[in-house]
Amino acid sequence: AAEAGLQLGDRIVSIAGQEVLFWEELTSLIQTSGGRPLPFVW
């Protein structure tokens, strides 16, 4: 996250084209990624 430029207070709005509103949605998508690169928008 730090290497990609994410900073404290940033709001992640989508991951892999899927809208993200809640923290649990965010962690679920990361956990099911299996390590493949995910497009983040914040």
PDB file of all heavy atoms in Angstrom:
ATOM      1  N   ALA A   1       0.828  -1.205   0.000  1.00  0.00           N
ATOM      2  CA  ALA A   1       0.000   0.000   0.000  1.00  0.00           C
ATOM      3  C   ALA A   1       0.864   1.257   0.000  1.00  0.00           C
ATOM      4  O   ALA A   1       0.596   2.213  -0.737  1.00  0.00           O
ATOM      5  CB  ALA A   1      -0.928  -0.003   1.216  1.00  0.00           C
ATOM      6  N   ALA A   2       1.912   1.260   0.841  1.00  0.00           N
ATOM      7  CA  ALA A   2       2.798   2.423   0.908  1.00  0.00           C
ATOM      8  C   ALA A   2       3.541   2.615  -0.409  1.00  0.00           C
ATOM      9  O   ALA A   2       3.712   3.753  -0.883  1.00  0.00           O
ATOM     10  CB  ALA A   2       3.786   2.252   2.057  1.00  0.00           C
ATOM     11  N   GLU A   3       3.988   1.524  -1.004  1.00  0.00           N
ATOM     12  CA  GLU A   3       4.723   1.612  -2.276  1.00  0.00           C
ATOM     13  C   GLU A   3       3.829   2.123  -3.400  1.00  0.00           C
ATOM     14  O   GLU A   3       4.298   2.756  -4.342  1.00  0.00           O
ATOM     15  CB  GLU A   3       5.294   0.246  -2.627  1.00  0.00           C
ATOM     16  CG  GLU A   3       6.382  -0.218  -1.652  1.00  0.00           C
ATOM     17  CD  GLU A   3       6.849  -1.627  -1.933  1.00  0.00           C
ATOM     18  OE1 GLU A   3       6.232  -2.294  -2.807  1.00  0.00           O
ATOM     19  OE2 GLU A   3       7.818  -2.084  -1.283  1.00  0.00           O
ATOM     20  N   ALA A   4       2.502   1.846  -3.289  1.00  0.00           N
ATOM     21  CA  ALA A   4       1.573   2.311  -4.325  1.00  0.00           C
ATOM     22  C   ALA A   4       1.168   3.764  -4.128  1.00  0.00           C
ATOM     23  O   ALA A   4       0.561   4.365  -5.017  1.00  0.00           O
ATOM     24  CB  ALA A   4       0.333   1.427  -4.335  1.00  0.00           C
ATOM     25  N   GLY A   5       1.495   4.335  -2.965  1.00  0.00           N
ATOM     26  CA  GLY A   5       1.190   5.745  -2.722  1.00  0.00           C
ATOM     27  C   GLY A   5      -0.007   6.003  -1.832  1.00  0.00           C
ATOM     28  O   GLY A   5      -0.397   7.157  -1.642  1.00  0.00           O
ATOM     29  N   LEU A   6      -0.606   4.968  -1.253  1.00  0.00           N
ATOM     30  CA  LEU A   6      -1.735   5.177  -0.349  1.00  0.00           C
ATOM     31  C   LEU A   6      -1.270   5.904   0.912  1.00  0.00           C
ATOM     32  O   LEU A   6      -0.178   5.647   1.424  1.00  0.00           O
ATOM     33  CB  LEU A   6      -2.372   3.847   0.040  1.00  0.00           C
ATOM     34  CG  LEU A   6      -3.431   3.283  -0.921  1.00  0.00           C
ATOM     35  CD1 LEU A   6      -3.741   1.834  -0.592  1.00  0.00           C
ATOM     36  CD2 LEU A   6      -4.701   4.118  -0.867  1.00  0.00           C
ATOM     37  N   GLN A   7      -2.112   6.818   1.431  1.00  0.00           N
ATOM     38  CA  GLN A   7      -1.773   7.594   2.607  1.00  0.00           C
ATOM     39  C   GLN A   7      -2.906   7.560   3.631  1.00  0.00           C
ATOM     40  O   GLN A   7      -4.053   7.208   3.309  1.00  0.00           O
ATOM     41  CB  GLN A   7      -1.487   9.058   2.229  1.00  0.00           C
ATOM     42  CG  GLN A   7      -0.290   9.235   1.309  1.00  0.00           C
ATOM     43  CD  GLN A   7      -0.048  10.696   0.958  1.00  0.00           C
ATOM     44  OE1 GLN A   7      -0.636  11.592   1.565  1.00  0.00           O
ATOM     45  NE2 GLN A   7       0.818  10.938  -0.007  1.00  0.00           N
ATOM     46  N   LEU A   8      -2.568   7.932   4.851  1.00  0.00           N
ATOM     47  CA  LEU A   8      -3.534   7.986   5.929  1.00  0.00           C
ATOM     48  C   LEU A   8      -4.701   8.906   5.552  1.00  0.00           C
ATOM     49  O   LEU A   8      -4.492  10.034   5.111  1.00  0.00           O
ATOM     50  CB  LEU A   8      -2.868   8.512   7.207  1.00  0.00           C
ATOM     51  CG  LEU A   8      -3.750   8.668   8.447  1.00  0.00           C
ATOM     52  CD1 LEU A   8      -4.189   7.310   8.961  1.00  0.00           C
ATOM     53  CD2 LEU A   8      -2.994   9.437   9.524  1.00  0.00           C
ATOM     54  N   GLY A   9      -5.938   8.423   5.684  1.00  0.00           N
ATOM     55  CA  GLY A   9      -7.123   9.222   5.382  1.00  0.00           C
ATOM     56  C   GLY A   9      -7.651   9.034   3.977  1.00  0.00           C
ATOM     57  O   GLY A   9      -8.743   9.533   3.653  1.00  0.00           O
ATOM     58  N   ASP A  10      -6.916   8.338   3.115  1.00  0.00           N
ATOM     59  CA  ASP A  10      -7.424   8.072   1.762  1.00  0.00           C
ATOM     60  C   ASP A  10      -8.670   7.201   1.821  1.00  0.00           C
ATOM     61  O   ASP A  10      -8.765   6.288   2.652  1.00  0.00           O
ATOM     62  CB  ASP A  10      -6.359   7.363   0.914  1.00  0.00           C
ATOM     63  CG  ASP A  10      -5.215   8.284   0.530  1.00  0.00           C
ATOM     64  OD1 ASP A  10      -5.328   9.496   0.768  1.00  0.00           O
ATOM     65  OD2 ASP A  10      -4.194   7.784   0.009  1.00  0.00           O
ATOM     66  N   ARG A  11      -9.623   7.473   0.927  1.00  0.00           N
ATOM     67  CA  ARG A  11     -10.845   6.674   0.845  1.00  0.00           C
ATOM     68  C   ARG A  11     -10.793   5.804  -0.405  1.00  0.00           C
ATOM     69  O   ARG A  11     -10.755   6.311  -1.526  1.00  0.00           O
ATOM     70  CB  ARG A  11     -12.081   7.562   0.806  1.00  0.00           C
ATOM     71  CG  ARG A  11     -13.405   6.782   0.686  1.00  0.00           C
ATOM     72  CD  ARG A  11     -14.586   7.723   0.573  1.00  0.00           C
ATOM     73  NE  ARG A  11     -14.744   8.496   1.790  1.00  0.00           N
ATOM     74  CZ  ARG A  11     -15.417   8.070   2.867  1.00  0.00           C
ATOM     75  NH1 ARG A  11     -15.974   6.868   2.843  1.00  0.00           N
ATOM     76  NH2 ARG A  11     -15.520   8.838   3.920  1.00  0.00           N
ATOM     77  N   ILE A  12     -10.758   4.494  -0.204  1.00  0.00           N
ATOM     78  CA  ILE A  12     -10.742   3.559  -1.330  1.00  0.00           C
ATOM     79  C   ILE A  12     -12.166   3.420  -1.853  1.00  0.00           C
ATOM     80  O   ILE A  12     -13.078   3.065  -1.088  1.00  0.00           O
ATOM     81  CB  ILE A  12     -10.168   2.193  -0.902  1.00  0.00           C
ATOM     82  CG1 ILE A  12      -8.716   2.372  -0.427  1.00  0.00           C
ATOM     83  CG2 ILE A  12     -10.247   1.187  -2.037  1.00  0.00           C
ATOM     84  CD1 ILE A  12      -8.105   1.137   0.168  1.00  0.00           C
ATOM     85  N   VAL A  13     -12.364   3.702  -3.140  1.00  0.00           N
ATOM     86  CA  VAL A  13     -13.721   3.710  -3.698  1.00  0.00           C
ATOM     87  C   VAL A  13     -14.024   2.481  -4.540  1.00  0.00           C
ATOM     88  O   VAL A  13     -15.192   2.120  -4.718  1.00  0.00           O
ATOM     89  CB  VAL A  13     -13.968   4.989  -4.517  1.00  0.00           C
ATOM     90  CG1 VAL A  13     -13.903   6.216  -3.612  1.00  0.00           C
ATOM     91  CG2 VAL A  13     -12.955   5.133  -5.654  1.00  0.00           C
ATOM     92  N   SER A  14     -12.971   1.810  -5.057  1.00  0.00           N
ATOM     93  CA  SER A  14     -13.231   0.593  -5.828  1.00  0.00           C
ATOM     94  C   SER A  14     -11.968  -0.255  -5.901  1.00  0.00           C
ATOM     95  O   SER A  14     -10.845   0.254  -5.813  1.00  0.00           O
ATOM     96  CB  SER A  14     -13.721   0.914  -7.237  1.00  0.00           C
ATOM     97  OG  SER A  14     -12.665   1.423  -8.034  1.00  0.00           O
ATOM     98  N   ILE A  15     -12.187  -1.562  -6.035  1.00  0.00           N
ATOM     99  CA  ILE A  15     -11.098  -2.518  -6.207  1.00  0.00           C
ATOM    100  C   ILE A  15     -11.498  -3.469  -7.318  1.00  0.00           C
ATOM    101  O   ILE A  15     -12.565  -4.083  -7.270  1.00  0.00           O
ATOM    102  CB  ILE A  15     -10.825  -3.318  -4.911  1.00  0.00           C
ATOM    103  CG1 ILE A  15     -10.428  -2.381  -3.763  1.00  0.00           C
ATOM    104  CG2 ILE A  15      -9.725  -4.356  -5.135  1.00  0.00           C
ATOM    105  CD1 ILE A  15     -10.238  -3.086  -2.430  1.00  0.00           C
ATOM    106  N   ALA A  16     -10.637  -3.579  -8.312  1.00  0.00           N
ATOM    107  CA  ALA A  16     -10.910  -4.448  -9.466  1.00  0.00           C
ATOM    108  C   ALA A  16     -12.257  -4.134 -10.089  1.00  0.00           C
ATOM    109  O   ALA A  16     -13.001  -5.040 -10.503  1.00  0.00           O
ATOM    110  CB  ALA A  16     -10.838  -5.910  -9.053  1.00  0.00           C
ATOM    111  N   GLY A  17     -12.603  -2.848 -10.152  1.00  0.00           N
ATOM    112  CA  GLY A  17     -13.846  -2.421 -10.770  1.00  0.00           C
ATOM    113  C   GLY A  17     -15.078  -2.572  -9.899  1.00  0.00           C
ATOM    114  O   GLY A  17     -16.175  -2.195 -10.319  1.00  0.00           O
ATOM    115  N   GLN A  18     -14.928  -3.090  -8.692  1.00  0.00           N
ATOM    116  CA  GLN A  18     -16.066  -3.287  -7.797  1.00  0.00           C
ATOM    117  C   GLN A  18     -16.104  -2.158  -6.772  1.00  0.00           C
ATOM    118  O   GLN A  18     -15.116  -1.886  -6.090  1.00  0.00           O
ATOM    119  CB  GLN A  18     -15.971  -4.637  -7.076  1.00  0.00           C
ATOM    120  CG  GLN A  18     -17.155  -4.942  -6.176  1.00  0.00           C
ATOM    121  CD  GLN A  18     -17.114  -6.360  -5.643  1.00  0.00           C
ATOM    122  OE1 GLN A  18     -16.586  -7.260  -6.291  1.00  0.00           O
ATOM    123  NE2 GLN A  18     -17.679  -6.563  -4.462  1.00  0.00           N
ATOM    124  N   GLU A  19     -17.273  -1.489  -6.670  1.00  0.00           N
ATOM    125  CA  GLU A  19     -17.407  -0.386  -5.728  1.00  0.00           C
ATOM    126  C   GLU A  19     -17.203  -0.873  -4.300  1.00  0.00           C
ATOM    127  O   GLU A  19     -17.686  -1.933  -3.906  1.00  0.00           O
ATOM    128  CB  GLU A  19     -18.791   0.253  -5.863  1.00  0.00           C
ATOM    129  CG  GLU A  19     -18.980   1.461  -4.956  1.00  0.00           C
ATOM    130  CD  GLU A  19     -20.387   2.034  -5.032  1.00  0.00           C
ATOM    131  OE1 GLU A  19     -21.300   1.319  -5.497  1.00  0.00           O
ATOM    132  OE2 GLU A  19     -20.567   3.194  -4.603  1.00  0.00           O
ATOM    133  N   VAL A  20     -16.484  -0.087  -3.519  1.00  0.00           N
ATOM    134  CA  VAL A  20     -16.194  -0.432  -2.126  1.00  0.00           C
ATOM    135  C   VAL A  20     -16.668   0.718  -1.238  1.00  0.00           C
ATOM    136  O   VAL A  20     -16.263   1.869  -1.421  1.00  0.00           O
ATOM    137  CB  VAL A  20     -14.683  -0.668  -1.913  1.00  0.00           C
ATOM    138  CG1 VAL A  20     -14.377  -0.851  -0.435  1.00  0.00           C
ATOM    139  CG2 VAL A  20     -14.228  -1.884  -2.695  1.00  0.00           C
ATOM    140  N   LEU A  21     -17.550   0.404  -0.265  1.00  0.00           N
ATOM    141  CA  LEU A  21     -18.028   1.397   0.681  1.00  0.00           C
ATOM    142  C   LEU A  21     -17.588   1.086   2.111  1.00  0.00           C
ATOM    143  O   LEU A  21     -17.415   1.999   2.920  1.00  0.00           O
ATOM    144  CB  LEU A  21     -19.564   1.470   0.647  1.00  0.00           C
ATOM    145  CG  LEU A  21     -20.202   1.936  -0.659  1.00  0.00           C
ATOM    146  CD1 LEU A  21     -21.716   1.822  -0.557  1.00  0.00           C
ATOM    147  CD2 LEU A  21     -19.794   3.368  -0.980  1.00  0.00           C
ATOM    148  N   PHE A  22     -17.407  -0.206   2.418  1.00  0.00           N
ATOM    149  CA  PHE A  22     -17.126  -0.625   3.784  1.00  0.00           C
ATOM    150  C   PHE A  22     -15.775  -1.323   3.875  1.00  0.00           C
ATOM    151  O   PHE A  22     -15.294  -1.923   2.919  1.00  0.00           O
ATOM    152  CB  PHE A  22     -18.227  -1.563   4.299  1.00  0.00           C
ATOM    153  CG  PHE A  22     -19.592  -0.939   4.322  1.00  0.00           C
ATOM    154  CD1 PHE A  22     -20.461  -1.095   3.258  1.00  0.00           C
ATOM    155  CD2 PHE A  22     -19.991  -0.187   5.412  1.00  0.00           C
ATOM    156  CE1 PHE A  22     -21.713  -0.524   3.277  1.00  0.00           C
ATOM    157  CE2 PHE A  22     -21.243   0.398   5.443  1.00  0.00           C
ATOM    158  CZ  PHE A  22     -22.112   0.235   4.373  1.00  0.00           C
ATOM    159  N   TRP A  23     -15.193  -1.257   5.057  1.00  0.00           N
ATOM    160  CA  TRP A  23     -13.884  -1.864   5.307  1.00  0.00           C
ATOM    161  C   TRP A  23     -13.914  -3.369   5.072  1.00  0.00           C
ATOM    162  O   TRP A  23     -12.972  -3.939   4.533  1.00  0.00           O
ATOM    163  CB  TRP A  23     -13.443  -1.541   6.732  1.00  0.00           C
ATOM    164  CG  TRP A  23     -12.079  -2.059   7.077  1.00  0.00           C
ATOM    165  CD1 TRP A  23     -11.779  -3.231   7.709  1.00  0.00           C
ATOM    166  CD2 TRP A  23     -10.836  -1.441   6.782  1.00  0.00           C
ATOM    167  NE1 TRP A  23     -10.418  -3.369   7.836  1.00  0.00           N
ATOM    168  CE2 TRP A  23      -9.809  -2.280   7.271  1.00  0.00           C
ATOM    169  CE3 TRP A  23     -10.471  -0.243   6.153  1.00  0.00           C
ATOM    170  CZ2 TRP A  23      -8.470  -1.972   7.155  1.00  0.00           C
ATOM    171  CZ3 TRP A  23      -9.134   0.072   6.043  1.00  0.00           C
ATOM    172  CH2 TRP A  23      -8.139  -0.794   6.542  1.00  0.00           C
ATOM    173  N   GLU A  24     -14.993  -4.022   5.473  1.00  0.00           N
ATOM    174  CA  GLU A  24     -15.091  -5.468   5.303  1.00  0.00           C
ATOM    175  C   GLU A  24     -15.116  -5.865   3.833  1.00  0.00           C
ATOM    176  O   GLU A  24     -14.606  -6.919   3.458  1.00  0.00           O
ATOM    177  CB  GLU A  24     -16.333  -6.009   6.017  1.00  0.00           C
ATOM    178  CG  GLU A  24     -16.234  -5.990   7.530  1.00  0.00           C
ATOM    179  CD  GLU A  24     -15.059  -6.799   8.038  1.00  0.00           C
ATOM    180  OE1 GLU A  24     -14.900  -7.953   7.603  1.00  0.00           O
ATOM    181  OE2 GLU A  24     -14.287  -6.273   8.866  1.00  0.00           O
ATOM    182  N   GLU A  25     -15.721  -5.053   2.988  1.00  0.00           N
ATOM    183  CA  GLU A  25     -15.696  -5.314   1.546  1.00  0.00           C
ATOM    184  C   GLU A  25     -14.265  -5.230   1.027  1.00  0.00           C
ATOM    185  O   GLU A  25     -13.829  -6.059   0.217  1.00  0.00           O
ATOM    186  CB  GLU A  25     -16.580  -4.297   0.815  1.00  0.00           C
ATOM    187  CG  GLU A  25     -18.066  -4.431   1.112  1.00  0.00           C
ATOM    188  CD  GLU A  25     -18.883  -3.338   0.448  1.00  0.00           C
ATOM    189  OE1 GLU A  25     -18.480  -2.162   0.543  1.00  0.00           O
ATOM    190  OE2 GLU A  25     -19.906  -3.660  -0.162  1.00  0.00           O
ATOM    191  N   LEU A  26     -13.550  -4.244   1.522  1.00  0.00           N
ATOM    192  CA  LEU A  26     -12.158  -4.035   1.114  1.00  0.00           C
ATOM    193  C   LEU A  26     -11.295  -5.246   1.484  1.00  0.00           C
ATOM    194  O   LEU A  26     -10.584  -5.799   0.642  1.00  0.00           O
ATOM    195  CB  LEU A  26     -11.653  -2.759   1.796  1.00  0.00           C
ATOM    196  CG  LEU A  26     -10.240  -2.245   1.557  1.00  0.00           C
ATOM    197  CD1 LEU A  26     -10.201  -0.753   1.881  1.00  0.00           C
ATOM    198  CD2 LEU A  26      -9.234  -2.955   2.457  1.00  0.00           C
ATOM    199  N   THR A  27     -11.368  -5.655   2.760  1.00  0.00           N
ATOM    200  CA  THR A  27     -10.510  -6.756   3.205  1.00  0.00           C
ATOM    201  C   THR A  27     -10.905  -8.080   2.539  1.00  0.00           C
ATOM    202  O   THR A  27     -10.053  -8.929   2.301  1.00  0.00           O
ATOM    203  CB  THR A  27     -10.589  -6.905   4.733  1.00  0.00           C
ATOM    204  OG1 THR A  27     -11.955  -7.079   5.135  1.00  0.00           O
ATOM    205  CG2 THR A  27     -10.012  -5.677   5.418  1.00  0.00           C
ATOM    206  N   SER A  28     -12.196  -8.246   2.259  1.00  0.00           N
ATOM    207  CA  SER A  28     -12.650  -9.480   1.615  1.00  0.00           C
ATOM    208  C   SER A  28     -12.070  -9.599   0.206  1.00  0.00           C
ATOM    209  O   SER A  28     -11.604 -10.674  -0.203  1.00  0.00           O
ATOM    210  CB  SER A  28     -14.177  -9.515   1.561  1.00  0.00           C
ATOM    211  OG  SER A  28     -14.629 -10.661   0.877  1.00  0.00           O
ATOM    212  N   LEU A  29     -12.065  -8.512  -0.536  1.00  0.00           N
ATOM    213  CA  LEU A  29     -11.519  -8.524  -1.894  1.00  0.00           C
ATOM    214  C   LEU A  29     -10.016  -8.774  -1.873  1.00  0.00           C
ATOM    215  O   LEU A  29      -9.483  -9.499  -2.722  1.00  0.00           O
ATOM    216  CB  LEU A  29     -11.831  -7.206  -2.596  1.00  0.00           C
ATOM    217  CG  LEU A  29     -13.299  -7.004  -3.004  1.00  0.00           C
ATOM    218  CD1 LEU A  29     -13.541  -5.572  -3.454  1.00  0.00           C
ATOM    219  CD2 LEU A  29     -13.665  -7.976  -4.133  1.00  0.00           C
ATOM    220  N   ILE A  30      -9.319  -8.184  -0.900  1.00  0.00           N
ATOM    221  CA  ILE A  30      -7.880  -8.405  -0.786  1.00  0.00           C
ATOM    222  C   ILE A  30      -7.589  -9.859  -0.436  1.00  0.00           C
ATOM    223  O   ILE A  30      -6.690 -10.491  -0.992  1.00  0.00           O
ATOM    224  CB  ILE A  30      -7.268  -7.460   0.263  1.00  0.00           C
ATOM    225  CG1 ILE A  30      -7.368  -6.002  -0.205  1.00  0.00           C
ATOM    226  CG2 ILE A  30      -5.805  -7.817   0.539  1.00  0.00           C
ATOM    227  CD1 ILE A  30      -6.940  -4.989   0.834  1.00  0.00           C
ATOM    228  N   GLN A  31      -8.375 -10.401   0.485  1.00  0.00           N
ATOM    229  CA  GLN A  31      -8.145 -11.756   0.953  1.00  0.00           C
ATOM    230  C   GLN A  31      -8.375 -12.795  -0.143  1.00  0.00           C
ATOM    231  O   GLN A  31      -7.716 -13.827  -0.184  1.00  0.00           O
ATOM    232  CB  GLN A  31      -9.059 -12.049   2.156  1.00  0.00           C
ATOM    233  CG  GLN A  31      -8.817 -13.387   2.824  1.00  0.00           C
ATOM    234  CD  GLN A  31      -7.369 -13.557   3.263  1.00  0.00           C
ATOM    235  OE1 GLN A  31      -6.793 -14.622   3.085  1.00  0.00           O
ATOM    236  NE2 GLN A  31      -6.774 -12.513   3.813  1.00  0.00           N
ATOM    237  N   THR A  32      -9.335 -12.532  -1.027  1.00  0.00           N
ATOM    238  CA  THR A  32      -9.650 -13.486  -2.102  1.00  0.00           C
ATOM    239  C   THR A  32      -8.820 -13.251  -3.365  1.00  0.00           C
ATOM    240  O   THR A  32      -9.028 -13.935  -4.373  1.00  0.00           O
ATOM    241  CB  THR A  32     -11.143 -13.420  -2.456  1.00  0.00           C
ATOM    242  OG1 THR A  32     -11.491 -12.082  -2.832  1.00  0.00           O
ATOM    243  CG2 THR A  32     -11.998 -13.840  -1.264  1.00  0.00           C
ATOM    244  N   SER A  33      -7.873 -12.315  -3.291  1.00  0.00           N
ATOM    245  CA  SER A  33      -7.089 -11.993  -4.491  1.00  0.00           C
ATOM    246  C   SER A  33      -6.071 -13.069  -4.825  1.00  0.00           C
ATOM    247  O   SER A  33      -5.662 -13.216  -5.982  1.00  0.00           O
ATOM    248  CB  SER A  33      -6.367 -10.663  -4.300  1.00  0.00           C
ATOM    249  OG  SER A  33      -5.342 -10.788  -3.324  1.00  0.00           O
ATOM    250  N   GLY A  34      -5.640 -13.802  -3.789  1.00  0.00           N
ATOM    251  CA  GLY A  34      -4.631 -14.830  -4.020  1.00  0.00           C
ATOM    252  C   GLY A  34      -3.281 -14.249  -4.427  1.00  0.00           C
ATOM    253  O   GLY A  34      -2.420 -14.969  -4.935  1.00  0.00           O
ATOM    254  N   GLY A  35      -3.083 -12.963  -4.204  1.00  0.00           N
ATOM    255  CA  GLY A  35      -1.807 -12.326  -4.529  1.00  0.00           C
ATOM    256  C   GLY A  35      -1.729 -11.720  -5.914  1.00  0.00           C
ATOM    257  O   GLY A  35      -0.711 -11.124  -6.269  1.00  0.00           O
ATOM    258  N   ARG A  36      -2.803 -11.852  -6.692  1.00  0.00           N
ATOM    259  CA  ARG A  36      -2.745 -11.252  -8.043  1.00  0.00           C
ATOM    260  C   ARG A  36      -2.931  -9.729  -7.938  1.00  0.00           C
ATOM    261  O   ARG A  36      -3.593  -9.241  -7.016  1.00  0.00           O
ATOM    262  CB  ARG A  36      -3.813 -11.848  -8.940  1.00  0.00           C
ATOM    263  CG  ARG A  36      -5.229 -11.501  -8.578  1.00  0.00           C
ATOM    264  CD  ARG A  36      -6.245 -12.157  -9.532  1.00  0.00           C
ATOM    265  NE  ARG A  36      -7.593 -11.735  -9.251  1.00  0.00           N
ATOM    266  CZ  ARG A  36      -8.371 -12.233  -8.302  1.00  0.00           C
ATOM    267  NH1 ARG A  36      -7.897 -13.186  -7.521  1.00  0.00           N
ATOM    268  NH2 ARG A  36      -9.601 -11.775  -8.140  1.00  0.00           N
ATOM    269  N   PRO A  37      -2.355  -8.969  -8.837  1.00  0.00           N
ATOM    270  CA  PRO A  37      -2.476  -7.507  -8.787  1.00  0.00           C
ATOM    271  C   PRO A  37      -3.937  -7.067  -8.906  1.00  0.00           C
ATOM    272  O   PRO A  37      -4.681  -7.581  -9.746  1.00  0.00           O
ATOM    273  CB  PRO A  37      -1.656  -7.033  -9.994  1.00  0.00           C
ATOM    274  CG  PRO A  37      -0.727  -8.167 -10.278  1.00  0.00           C
ATOM    275  CD  PRO A  37      -1.470  -9.409  -9.928  1.00  0.00           C
ATOM    276  N   LEU A  38      -4.346  -6.132  -8.063  1.00  0.00           N
ATOM    277  CA  LEU A  38      -5.716  -5.620  -8.074  1.00  0.00           C
ATOM    278  C   LEU A  38      -5.695  -4.127  -8.389  1.00  0.00           C
ATOM    279  O   LEU A  38      -4.939  -3.372  -7.759  1.00  0.00           O
ATOM    280  CB  LEU A  38      -6.383  -5.827  -6.707  1.00  0.00           C
ATOM    281  CG  LEU A  38      -6.635  -7.265  -6.246  1.00  0.00           C
ATOM    282  CD1 LEU A  38      -7.182  -7.264  -4.823  1.00  0.00           C
ATOM    283  CD2 LEU A  38      -7.614  -7.965  -7.184  1.00  0.00           C
ATOM    284  N   PRO A  39      -6.514  -3.681  -9.343  1.00  0.00           N
ATOM    285  CA  PRO A  39      -6.608  -2.247  -9.629  1.00  0.00           C
ATOM    286  C   PRO A  39      -7.359  -1.513  -8.508  1.00  0.00           C
ATOM    287  O   PRO A  39      -8.525  -1.792  -8.261  1.00  0.00           O
ATOM    288  CB  PRO A  39      -7.402  -2.191 -10.940  1.00  0.00           C
ATOM    289  CG  PRO A  39      -7.395  -3.586 -11.487  1.00  0.00           C
ATOM    290  CD  PRO A  39      -7.306  -4.485 -10.307  1.00  0.00           C
ATOM    291  N   PHE A  40      -6.675  -0.623  -7.794  1.00  0.00           N
ATOM    292  CA  PHE A  40      -7.275   0.172  -6.719  1.00  0.00           C
ATOM    293  C   PHE A  40      -7.578   1.575  -7.235  1.00  0.00           C
ATOM    294  O   PHE A  40      -6.796   2.159  -7.996  1.00  0.00           O
ATOM    295  CB  PHE A  40      -6.310   0.295  -5.534  1.00  0.00           C
ATOM    296  CG  PHE A  40      -6.367  -0.851  -4.566  1.00  0.00           C
ATOM    297  CD1 PHE A  40      -5.926  -2.117  -4.927  1.00  0.00           C
ATOM    298  CD2 PHE A  40      -6.862  -0.662  -3.288  1.00  0.00           C
ATOM    299  CE1 PHE A  40      -5.959  -3.164  -4.043  1.00  0.00           C
ATOM    300  CE2 PHE A  40      -6.902  -1.713  -2.384  1.00  0.00           C
ATOM    301  CZ  PHE A  40      -6.457  -2.969  -2.758  1.00  0.00           C
ATOM    302  N   VAL A  41      -8.701   2.119  -6.792  1.00  0.00           N
ATOM    303  CA  VAL A  41      -9.036   3.517  -7.052  1.00  0.00           C
ATOM    304  C   VAL A  41      -9.358   4.158  -5.703  1.00  0.00           C
ATOM    305  O   VAL A  41     -10.168   3.619  -4.941  1.00  0.00           O
ATOM    306  CB  VAL A  41     -10.245   3.661  -8.003  1.00  0.00           C
ATOM    307  CG1 VAL A  41     -10.586   5.142  -8.208  1.00  0.00           C
ATOM    308  CG2 VAL A  41      -9.979   2.986  -9.338  1.00  0.00           C
ATOM    309  N   TRP A  42      -8.694   5.282  -5.391  1.00  0.00           N
ATOM    310  CA  TRP A  42      -8.968   5.956  -4.124  1.00  0.00           C
ATOM    311  C   TRP A  42      -8.984   7.464  -4.308  1.00  0.00           C
ATOM    312  O   TRP A  42      -8.514   7.990  -5.319  1.00  0.00           O
ATOM    313  CB  TRP A  42      -7.958   5.546  -3.062  1.00  0.00           C
ATOM    314  CG  TRP A  42      -6.535   5.981  -3.290  1.00  0.00           C
ATOM    315  CD1 TRP A  42      -5.938   7.108  -2.840  1.00  0.00           C
ATOM    316  CD2 TRP A  42      -5.512   5.270  -4.027  1.00  0.00           C
ATOM    317  NE1 TRP A  42      -4.629   7.166  -3.227  1.00  0.00           N
ATOM    318  CE2 TRP A  42      -4.327   6.028  -3.948  1.00  0.00           C
ATOM    319  CE3 TRP A  42      -5.475   4.056  -4.730  1.00  0.00           C
ATOM    320  CZ2 TRP A  42      -3.128   5.645  -4.560  1.00  0.00           C
ATOM    321  CZ3 TRP A  42      -4.292   3.664  -5.322  1.00  0.00           C
ATOM    322  CH2 TRP A  42      -3.140   4.444  -5.243  1.00  0.00           C
TER     323      TRP A  42
END
